[in-house]
């Protein structure tokens, strides 16, 4: 039986609103802008918490920090503890700086116009982070019997 995942658009947009709302603090261009990726991680952990092993769910959610405020997040769906995994690595939590004066829309607030989303990070890379988070939530809800584990890593400091 094939696994079918269908994005919960409402849940995705709600998470995107929170992530884009943090973008001013995720801009990466030191020394002026030093991102605080933990601000995004806070929202991801809130979305994933009901499905975490700590709450009786199948997801292992690990927040790894080497520099204060600049964490990484590792998600694992592997209820059978299989050695073989498929991994998504490199979805990053920081963004390039945005000068609001050069934007037609506010880059620090998600704007939905018909089927388009606007805001710094919607395509590079917070939209991907939200999409992968949604996929893990669906894995946790559907609990498919996979022949491999699935891992995602959301990283700090890709833009600089």
C-alpha atoms as a PDB file:
ATOM      1  CA  UNK A   1       0.000   0.000   0.000  1.00  0.00           C
ATOM      2  CA  UNK A   2       1.436   3.364  -1.049  1.00  0.00           C
ATOM      3  CA  UNK A   3       1.840   6.145   1.491  1.00  0.00           C
ATOM      4  CA  UNK A   4      -0.132   9.253   0.621  1.00  0.00           C
ATOM      5  CA  UNK A   5       0.664  12.584   2.251  1.00  0.00           C
ATOM      6  CA  UNK A   6      -1.509  15.616   1.626  1.00  0.00           C
ATOM      7  CA  UNK A   7      -0.451  19.006   2.929  1.00  0.00           C
ATOM      8  CA  UNK A   8      -2.690  20.591   5.550  1.00  0.00           C
ATOM      9  CA  UNK A   9      -2.590  24.050   3.966  1.00  0.00           C
ATOM     10  CA  UNK A  10      -4.076  25.812   6.985  1.00  0.00           C
ATOM     11  CA  UNK A  11      -1.528  24.304   9.354  1.00  0.00           C
ATOM     12  CA  UNK A  12       1.304  25.049   6.892  1.00  0.00           C
ATOM     13  CA  UNK A  13       0.317  28.719   6.482  1.00  0.00           C
ATOM     14  CA  UNK A  14      -0.075  29.142  10.250  1.00  0.00           C
ATOM     15  CA  UNK A  15       3.464  27.814  10.782  1.00  0.00           C
ATOM     16  CA  UNK A  16       4.771  30.005   7.948  1.00  0.00           C
ATOM     17  CA  UNK A  17       3.206  33.091   9.584  1.00  0.00           C
ATOM     18  CA  UNK A  18       5.133  32.328  12.766  1.00  0.00           C
ATOM     19  CA  UNK A  19       8.413  31.625  10.947  1.00  0.00           C
ATOM     20  CA  UNK A  20       8.240  34.701   8.699  1.00  0.00           C
ATOM     21  CA  UNK A  21       7.311  36.716  11.793  1.00  0.00           C
ATOM     22  CA  UNK A  22      10.787  35.882  13.143  1.00  0.00           C
ATOM     23  CA  UNK A  23      12.681  36.781   9.951  1.00  0.00           C
ATOM     24  CA  UNK A  24      14.032  40.095  11.260  1.00  0.00           C
ATOM     25  CA  UNK A  25      15.904  38.003  13.850  1.00  0.00           C
ATOM     26  CA  UNK A  26      17.003  35.344  11.354  1.00  0.00           C
ATOM     27  CA  UNK A  27      18.904  37.649   8.980  1.00  0.00           C
ATOM     28  CA  UNK A  28      22.518  36.573   8.542  1.00  0.00           C
ATOM     29  CA  UNK A  29      25.163  39.187   7.780  1.00  0.00           C
ATOM     30  CA  UNK A  30      27.505  39.622  10.780  1.00  0.00           C
ATOM     31  CA  UNK A  31      28.422  41.737  12.547  1.00  0.00           C
ATOM     32  CA  UNK A  32      25.278  43.779  11.849  1.00  0.00           C
ATOM     33  CA  UNK A  33      22.895  40.808  11.639  1.00  0.00           C
ATOM     34  CA  UNK A  34      23.590  37.677  13.684  1.00  0.00           C
ATOM     35  CA  UNK A  35      20.669  35.274  13.331  1.00  0.00           C
ATOM     36  CA  UNK A  36      18.969  33.682  16.303  1.00  0.00           C
ATOM     37  CA  UNK A  37      17.749  30.419  14.742  1.00  0.00           C
ATOM     38  CA  UNK A  38      16.322  29.252  18.077  1.00  0.00           C
ATOM     39  CA  UNK A  39      13.496  31.757  17.530  1.00  0.00           C
ATOM     40  CA  UNK A  40      12.356  29.668  14.527  1.00  0.00           C
ATOM     41  CA  UNK A  41      13.067  26.385  16.315  1.00  0.00           C
ATOM     42  CA  UNK A  42      10.693  27.422  19.100  1.00  0.00           C
ATOM     43  CA  UNK A  43       7.772  27.414  16.618  1.00  0.00           C
ATOM     44  CA  UNK A  44       8.848  24.155  14.986  1.00  0.00           C
ATOM     45  CA  UNK A  45       9.080  22.423  18.346  1.00  0.00           C
ATOM     46  CA  UNK A  46       5.614  23.727  19.299  1.00  0.00           C
ATOM     47  CA  UNK A  47       4.158  22.250  16.094  1.00  0.00           C
ATOM     48  CA  UNK A  48       5.962  18.923  16.566  1.00  0.00           C
ATOM     49  CA  UNK A  49       5.612  18.525  20.348  1.00  0.00           C
ATOM     50  CA  UNK A  50       2.252  16.662  20.317  1.00  0.00           C
ATOM     51  CA  UNK A  51       3.886  14.004  18.102  1.00  0.00           C
ATOM     52  CA  UNK A  52       7.154  13.719  20.035  1.00  0.00           C
ATOM     53  CA  UNK A  53       8.293  10.622  21.901  1.00  0.00           C
ATOM     54  CA  UNK A  54       8.077  12.653  25.120  1.00  0.00           C
ATOM     55  CA  UNK A  55       4.328  13.000  24.503  1.00  0.00           C
ATOM     56  CA  UNK A  56       3.883   9.365  23.430  1.00  0.00           C
ATOM     57  CA  UNK A  57       4.266  10.005  19.688  1.00  0.00           C
ATOM     58  CA  UNK A  58       6.623   8.427  17.150  1.00  0.00           C
ATOM     59  CA  UNK A  59       8.877  11.447  16.460  1.00  0.00           C
ATOM     60  CA  UNK A  60      12.289  12.003  17.969  1.00  0.00           C
ATOM     61  CA  UNK A  61      12.818  15.796  18.011  1.00  0.00           C
ATOM     62  CA  UNK A  62      16.310  16.911  19.070  1.00  0.00           C
ATOM     63  CA  UNK A  63      17.427  20.517  19.500  1.00  0.00           C
ATOM     64  CA  UNK A  64      21.229  20.642  19.235  1.00  0.00           C
ATOM     65  CA  UNK A  65      23.023  23.873  20.154  1.00  0.00           C
ATOM     66  CA  UNK A  66      26.723  24.676  19.935  1.00  0.00           C
ATOM     67  CA  UNK A  67      26.356  28.470  20.129  1.00  0.00           C
ATOM     68  CA  UNK A  68      23.654  30.053  22.283  1.00  0.00           C
ATOM     69  CA  UNK A  69      20.593  31.001  20.210  1.00  0.00           C
ATOM     70  CA  UNK A  70      22.001  29.307  17.079  1.00  0.00           C
ATOM     71  CA  UNK A  71      20.550  25.813  17.287  1.00  0.00           C
ATOM     72  CA  UNK A  72      19.914  23.004  14.827  1.00  0.00           C
ATOM     73  CA  UNK A  73      16.887  20.716  14.888  1.00  0.00           C
ATOM     74  CA  UNK A  74      16.932  17.005  14.030  1.00  0.00           C
ATOM     75  CA  UNK A  75      13.691  15.145  13.325  1.00  0.00           C
ATOM     76  CA  UNK A  76      13.477  11.359  13.152  1.00  0.00           C
ATOM     77  CA  UNK A  77      10.617   9.059  12.246  1.00  0.00           C
ATOM     78  CA  UNK A  78      11.871   5.543  12.875  1.00  0.00           C
ATOM     79  CA  UNK A  79       9.433   3.694  15.136  1.00  0.00           C
ATOM     80  CA  UNK A  80      11.033   0.291  14.428  1.00  0.00           C
ATOM     81  CA  UNK A  81      14.625   1.476  14.974  1.00  0.00           C
ATOM     82  CA  UNK A  82      15.697   0.492  11.459  1.00  0.00           C
ATOM     83  CA  UNK A  83      19.300   1.045  10.388  1.00  0.00           C
ATOM     84  CA  UNK A  84      18.432   2.123   6.834  1.00  0.00           C
ATOM     85  CA  UNK A  85      17.326   5.785   6.585  1.00  0.00           C
ATOM     86  CA  UNK A  86      16.382   8.449   4.094  1.00  0.00           C
ATOM     87  CA  UNK A  87      17.603  11.893   5.138  1.00  0.00           C
ATOM     88  CA  UNK A  88      16.785  15.478   4.229  1.00  0.00           C
ATOM     89  CA  UNK A  89      19.737  17.626   5.234  1.00  0.00           C
ATOM     90  CA  UNK A  90      20.383  21.300   4.749  1.00  0.00           C
ATOM     91  CA  UNK A  91      17.060  23.047   5.153  1.00  0.00           C
ATOM     92  CA  UNK A  92      18.337  26.137   6.896  1.00  0.00           C
ATOM     93  CA  UNK A  93      16.794  28.500   9.398  1.00  0.00           C
ATOM     94  CA  UNK A  94      18.632  31.727   8.590  1.00  0.00           C
ATOM     95  CA  UNK A  95      17.861  34.151   5.748  1.00  0.00           C
ATOM     96  CA  UNK A  96      19.715  36.790   3.772  1.00  0.00           C
ATOM     97  CA  UNK A  97      19.021  40.345   4.971  1.00  0.00           C
ATOM     98  CA  UNK A  98      16.066  42.232   3.527  1.00  0.00           C
ATOM     99  CA  UNK A  99      15.822  45.989   3.185  1.00  0.00           C
ATOM    100  CA  UNK A 100      12.095  46.760   3.543  1.00  0.00           C
ATOM    101  CA  UNK A 101      12.549  49.955   1.499  1.00  0.00           C
ATOM    102  CA  UNK A 102      13.349  47.886  -1.590  1.00  0.00           C
ATOM    103  CA  UNK A 103      10.373  45.515  -1.190  1.00  0.00           C
ATOM    104  CA  UNK A 104       6.858  46.105  -2.520  1.00  0.00           C
ATOM    105  CA  UNK A 105       5.511  44.108   0.450  1.00  0.00           C
ATOM    106  CA  UNK A 106       6.706  43.880   4.057  1.00  0.00           C
ATOM    107  CA  UNK A 107       9.423  41.172   4.008  1.00  0.00           C
ATOM    108  CA  UNK A 108       9.012  40.543   7.746  1.00  0.00           C
ATOM    109  CA  UNK A 109       5.361  39.494   7.652  1.00  0.00           C
ATOM    110  CA  UNK A 110       3.774  36.678   5.683  1.00  0.00           C
ATOM    111  CA  UNK A 111       1.353  37.938   3.076  1.00  0.00           C
ATOM    112  CA  UNK A 112      -0.994  35.513   1.317  1.00  0.00           C
ATOM    113  CA  UNK A 113      -2.358  36.703  -2.042  1.00  0.00           C
ATOM    114  CA  UNK A 114      -4.482  34.062  -3.759  1.00  0.00           C
ATOM    115  CA  UNK A 115      -2.151  31.051  -4.063  1.00  0.00           C
ATOM    116  CA  UNK A 116       1.096  32.984  -3.494  1.00  0.00           C
ATOM    117  CA  UNK A 117       3.021  33.565  -0.272  1.00  0.00           C
ATOM    118  CA  UNK A 118       5.241  36.630   0.159  1.00  0.00           C
ATOM    119  CA  UNK A 119       7.880  37.334   2.794  1.00  0.00           C
ATOM    120  CA  UNK A 120      11.630  36.873   3.246  1.00  0.00           C
ATOM    121  CA  UNK A 121      12.352  33.151   3.485  1.00  0.00           C
ATOM    122  CA  UNK A 122       9.208  31.809   1.847  1.00  0.00           C
ATOM    123  CA  UNK A 123      11.291  29.966  -0.773  1.00  0.00           C
ATOM    124  CA  UNK A 124      14.790  30.085   0.751  1.00  0.00           C
ATOM    125  CA  UNK A 125      14.397  28.293   2.998  1.00  0.00           C
ATOM    126  CA  UNK A 126      11.668  28.656   5.638  1.00  0.00           C
ATOM    127  CA  UNK A 127       8.997  27.425   3.212  1.00  0.00           C
ATOM    128  CA  UNK A 128      10.967  24.195   2.840  1.00  0.00           C
ATOM    129  CA  UNK A 129      11.408  23.924   6.606  1.00  0.00           C
ATOM    130  CA  UNK A 130       7.636  24.295   7.118  1.00  0.00           C
ATOM    131  CA  UNK A 131       6.898  21.779   4.346  1.00  0.00           C
ATOM    132  CA  UNK A 132       9.260  19.156   5.782  1.00  0.00           C
ATOM    133  CA  UNK A 133       7.816  19.801   9.259  1.00  0.00           C
ATOM    134  CA  UNK A 134       4.327  19.219   7.843  1.00  0.00           C
ATOM    135  CA  UNK A 135       5.511  15.956   6.244  1.00  0.00           C
ATOM    136  CA  UNK A 136       6.847  14.736   9.604  1.00  0.00           C
ATOM    137  CA  UNK A 137       3.585  15.660  11.331  1.00  0.00           C
ATOM    138  CA  UNK A 138       1.730  13.594   8.742  1.00  0.00           C
ATOM    139  CA  UNK A 139       4.108  10.659   9.222  1.00  0.00           C
ATOM    140  CA  UNK A 140       3.404  10.888  12.958  1.00  0.00           C
ATOM    141  CA  UNK A 141      -0.360  11.033  12.384  1.00  0.00           C
ATOM    142  CA  UNK A 142      -0.517   8.192   9.838  1.00  0.00           C
ATOM    143  CA  UNK A 143       2.224   6.049  11.407  1.00  0.00           C
ATOM    144  CA  UNK A 144       3.099   4.212   8.184  1.00  0.00           C
ATOM    145  CA  UNK A 145       5.017   0.951   8.411  1.00  0.00           C
ATOM    146  CA  UNK A 146       8.084   1.993   6.402  1.00  0.00           C
ATOM    147  CA  UNK A 147      11.075  -0.148   5.462  1.00  0.00           C
ATOM    148  CA  UNK A 148      13.417   2.703   6.444  1.00  0.00           C
ATOM    149  CA  UNK A 149      13.648   5.555   8.910  1.00  0.00           C
ATOM    150  CA  UNK A 150      13.233   9.182   7.847  1.00  0.00           C
ATOM    151  CA  UNK A 151      15.485  11.954   9.180  1.00  0.00           C
ATOM    152  CA  UNK A 152      15.528  15.719   8.597  1.00  0.00           C
ATOM    153  CA  UNK A 153      18.099  18.225   9.795  1.00  0.00           C
ATOM    154  CA  UNK A 154      17.321  21.943   9.994  1.00  0.00           C
ATOM    155  CA  UNK A 155      20.583  23.843  10.264  1.00  0.00           C
ATOM    156  CA  UNK A 156      21.814  27.199  11.498  1.00  0.00           C
ATOM    157  CA  UNK A 157      24.063  29.555   9.544  1.00  0.00           C
ATOM    158  CA  UNK A 158      23.808  28.441   5.923  1.00  0.00           C
ATOM    159  CA  UNK A 159      23.614  31.936   4.450  1.00  0.00           C
ATOM    160  CA  UNK A 160      27.022  33.137   5.655  1.00  0.00           C
END
